[in-house]
Amino acid sequence: GKYNLMPKSEVREVVDCLVRFGIVGEWRVHGEYQDYYTCFVTPEGKFFERLQSEAVPKKRPVTEQEYHL
């Protein structure tokens, strides 16, 4: 699947919407890296987030990156 890196504040907004509309039932935090979460929403509406496993130098600002499994 394709993963997009986004600020945790935006992830929180997305999750709040998914919970509000009954797509997901709870909010789970599996990991955090430089205040970013990786999140993935499947076509079926399931929500997943994963700790970013690839190290990113703190000097370089993390904006948006794509990860492929």
N, C-alpha and C. Protein backbone atom coordinates (compact mmCIF):
# COMPACT_ATOMS: atom_id res chain seq x y z
N GLY A 1 0.83 -1.21 0.00
CA GLY A 1 0.00 0.00 0.00
C GLY A 1 0.85 1.25 0.00
N LYS A 2 0.24 2.38 -0.29
CA LYS A 2 0.98 3.64 -0.32
C LYS A 2 0.73 4.41 0.97
N TYR A 3 1.81 4.86 1.58
CA TYR A 3 1.71 5.59 2.84
C TYR A 3 2.12 7.04 2.62
N ASN A 4 1.36 7.96 3.17
CA ASN A 4 1.72 9.37 3.10
C ASN A 4 2.07 9.87 4.49
N LEU A 5 3.13 10.67 4.54
CA LEU A 5 3.57 11.22 5.81
C LEU A 5 2.87 12.55 6.02
N MET A 6 2.26 12.75 7.18
CA MET A 6 1.57 14.01 7.43
C MET A 6 1.70 14.38 8.90
N PRO A 7 1.57 15.69 9.19
CA PRO A 7 1.67 16.13 10.59
C PRO A 7 0.60 15.47 11.44
N LYS A 8 0.94 15.21 12.70
CA LYS A 8 -0.01 14.50 13.56
C LYS A 8 -1.29 15.30 13.79
N SER A 9 -1.21 16.64 13.67
CA SER A 9 -2.43 17.44 13.83
C SER A 9 -3.42 17.14 12.71
N GLU A 10 -2.91 16.94 11.50
CA GLU A 10 -3.78 16.60 10.38
C GLU A 10 -4.31 15.18 10.52
N VAL A 11 -3.47 14.29 11.02
CA VAL A 11 -3.90 12.91 11.25
C VAL A 11 -5.04 12.90 12.25
N ARG A 12 -4.91 13.72 13.28
CA ARG A 12 -5.95 13.80 14.31
C ARG A 12 -7.27 14.25 13.70
N GLU A 13 -7.22 15.23 12.80
CA GLU A 13 -8.44 15.70 12.14
C GLU A 13 -9.07 14.59 11.32
N VAL A 14 -8.23 13.87 10.59
CA VAL A 14 -8.74 12.78 9.75
C VAL A 14 -9.40 11.71 10.61
N VAL A 15 -8.71 11.33 11.69
CA VAL A 15 -9.24 10.29 12.56
C VAL A 15 -10.54 10.73 13.21
N ASP A 16 -10.59 11.99 13.65
CA ASP A 16 -11.82 12.50 14.26
C ASP A 16 -13.00 12.38 13.30
N CYS A 17 -12.75 12.68 12.03
CA CYS A 17 -13.81 12.58 11.02
C CYS A 17 -14.22 11.12 10.82
N LEU A 18 -13.25 10.23 10.76
CA LEU A 18 -13.55 8.81 10.56
C LEU A 18 -14.35 8.26 11.73
N VAL A 19 -13.98 8.68 12.94
CA VAL A 19 -14.71 8.22 14.12
C VAL A 19 -16.13 8.79 14.11
N ARG A 20 -16.25 10.07 13.75
CA ARG A 20 -17.55 10.73 13.75
C ARG A 20 -18.53 10.04 12.81
N PHE A 21 -18.01 9.59 11.67
CA PHE A 21 -18.89 8.95 10.69
C PHE A 21 -18.94 7.43 10.84
N GLY A 22 -18.34 6.94 11.93
CA GLY A 22 -18.45 5.52 12.23
C GLY A 22 -17.60 4.61 11.36
N ILE A 23 -16.58 5.18 10.71
CA ILE A 23 -15.73 4.35 9.85
C ILE A 23 -14.71 3.59 10.69
N VAL A 24 -14.19 4.25 11.70
CA VAL A 24 -13.31 3.57 12.65
C VAL A 24 -13.86 3.78 14.05
N GLY A 25 -13.55 2.86 14.94
CA GLY A 25 -14.14 2.92 16.26
C GLY A 25 -13.24 3.49 17.34
N GLU A 26 -11.94 3.55 17.07
CA GLU A 26 -11.05 4.06 18.10
C GLU A 26 -9.79 4.63 17.49
N TRP A 27 -9.09 5.35 18.30
CA TRP A 27 -7.86 6.02 17.87
C TRP A 27 -6.70 5.36 18.58
N ARG A 28 -5.76 4.83 17.80
CA ARG A 28 -4.60 4.17 18.40
C ARG A 28 -3.33 4.83 17.89
N VAL A 29 -2.42 5.05 18.80
CA VAL A 29 -1.12 5.60 18.43
C VAL A 29 -0.09 4.49 18.55
N HIS A 30 0.52 4.14 17.43
CA HIS A 30 1.50 3.05 17.44
C HIS A 30 2.92 3.57 17.49
N GLY A 31 3.11 4.81 17.08
CA GLY A 31 4.47 5.32 17.11
C GLY A 31 4.53 6.75 16.60
N GLU A 32 5.61 7.41 16.90
CA GLU A 32 5.76 8.80 16.51
C GLU A 32 7.22 9.02 16.15
N TYR A 33 7.46 9.82 15.13
CA TYR A 33 8.82 10.12 14.73
C TYR A 33 8.86 11.56 14.26
N GLN A 34 9.58 12.40 14.96
CA GLN A 34 9.68 13.82 14.64
C GLN A 34 8.30 14.46 14.49
N ASP A 35 7.39 14.12 15.38
CA ASP A 35 6.04 14.69 15.37
C ASP A 35 5.26 14.35 14.11
N TYR A 36 5.62 13.30 13.46
CA TYR A 36 4.89 12.88 12.27
C TYR A 36 4.40 11.45 12.45
N TYR A 37 3.24 11.19 11.90
CA TYR A 37 2.73 9.82 11.86
C TYR A 37 2.58 9.44 10.39
N THR A 38 2.77 8.19 10.10
CA THR A 38 2.41 7.73 8.76
C THR A 38 1.03 7.14 8.87
N CYS A 39 0.18 7.49 7.94
CA CYS A 39 -1.19 6.98 8.02
C CYS A 39 -1.62 6.44 6.67
N PHE A 40 -2.56 5.55 6.69
CA PHE A 40 -3.02 4.90 5.47
C PHE A 40 -4.48 4.56 5.64
N VAL A 41 -5.30 4.98 4.70
CA VAL A 41 -6.72 4.66 4.73
C VAL A 41 -7.03 3.77 3.54
N THR A 42 -7.51 2.58 3.80
CA THR A 42 -7.80 1.64 2.73
C THR A 42 -9.12 2.01 2.06
N PRO A 43 -9.36 1.48 0.86
CA PRO A 43 -10.64 1.73 0.19
C PRO A 43 -11.83 1.27 1.03
N GLU A 44 -11.59 0.31 1.92
CA GLU A 44 -12.68 -0.19 2.76
C GLU A 44 -12.91 0.71 3.97
N GLY A 45 -12.09 1.75 4.10
CA GLY A 45 -12.29 2.68 5.19
C GLY A 45 -11.55 2.33 6.47
N LYS A 46 -10.67 1.34 6.39
CA LYS A 46 -9.90 0.98 7.58
C LYS A 46 -8.71 1.93 7.70
N PHE A 47 -8.42 2.29 8.92
CA PHE A 47 -7.35 3.27 9.16
C PHE A 47 -6.17 2.62 9.87
N PHE A 48 -5.00 2.88 9.34
CA PHE A 48 -3.79 2.35 9.95
C PHE A 48 -2.76 3.46 10.05
N GLU A 49 -1.91 3.39 11.05
CA GLU A 49 -0.78 4.29 11.10
C GLU A 49 0.42 3.48 11.53
N ARG A 50 1.56 3.89 11.06
CA ARG A 50 2.77 3.15 11.38
C ARG A 50 3.88 4.12 11.72
N LEU A 51 4.74 3.68 12.60
CA LEU A 51 5.93 4.47 12.91
C LEU A 51 6.80 4.54 11.67
N GLN A 52 7.27 5.73 11.37
CA GLN A 52 8.17 5.87 10.22
C GLN A 52 9.45 5.10 10.54
N SER A 53 9.77 4.14 9.71
CA SER A 53 10.89 3.26 10.01
C SER A 53 12.20 3.76 9.43
N GLU A 54 12.12 4.63 8.43
CA GLU A 54 13.34 5.13 7.80
C GLU A 54 13.78 6.41 8.50
N ALA A 55 15.02 6.43 8.95
CA ALA A 55 15.50 7.59 9.69
C ALA A 55 15.60 8.82 8.79
N VAL A 56 15.16 9.95 9.32
CA VAL A 56 15.24 11.21 8.58
C VAL A 56 16.09 12.16 9.41
N PRO A 57 17.14 12.72 8.80
CA PRO A 57 18.00 13.65 9.55
C PRO A 57 17.18 14.82 10.08
N LYS A 58 17.44 15.19 11.32
CA LYS A 58 16.66 16.27 11.91
C LYS A 58 16.94 17.62 11.25
N LYS A 59 18.07 17.72 10.56
CA LYS A 59 18.39 18.98 9.89
C LYS A 59 17.44 19.22 8.73
N ARG A 60 17.03 18.14 8.10
CA ARG A 60 16.16 18.27 6.93
C ARG A 60 14.71 18.27 7.37
N PRO A 61 13.96 19.31 7.02
CA PRO A 61 12.55 19.34 7.41
C PRO A 61 11.76 18.22 6.74
N VAL A 62 10.91 17.58 7.51
CA VAL A 62 10.09 16.50 6.97
C VAL A 62 8.76 17.09 6.54
N THR A 63 8.47 16.99 5.26
CA THR A 63 7.19 17.53 4.78
C THR A 63 6.29 16.38 4.39
N GLU A 64 6.40 15.92 3.16
CA GLU A 64 5.55 14.80 2.74
C GLU A 64 6.38 13.83 1.93
N GLN A 65 6.34 12.58 2.31
CA GLN A 65 7.08 11.55 1.59
C GLN A 65 6.17 10.35 1.42
N GLU A 66 6.45 9.60 0.39
CA GLU A 66 5.65 8.41 0.14
C GLU A 66 6.48 7.17 0.42
N TYR A 67 5.85 6.20 1.06
CA TYR A 67 6.50 4.93 1.33
C TYR A 67 5.68 3.81 0.73
N HIS A 68 6.35 2.87 0.12
CA HIS A 68 5.65 1.76 -0.50
C HIS A 68 6.07 0.47 0.18
N LEU A 69 5.11 -0.36 0.51
CA LEU A 69 5.42 -1.66 1.12
C LEU A 69 5.64 -2.68 0.01
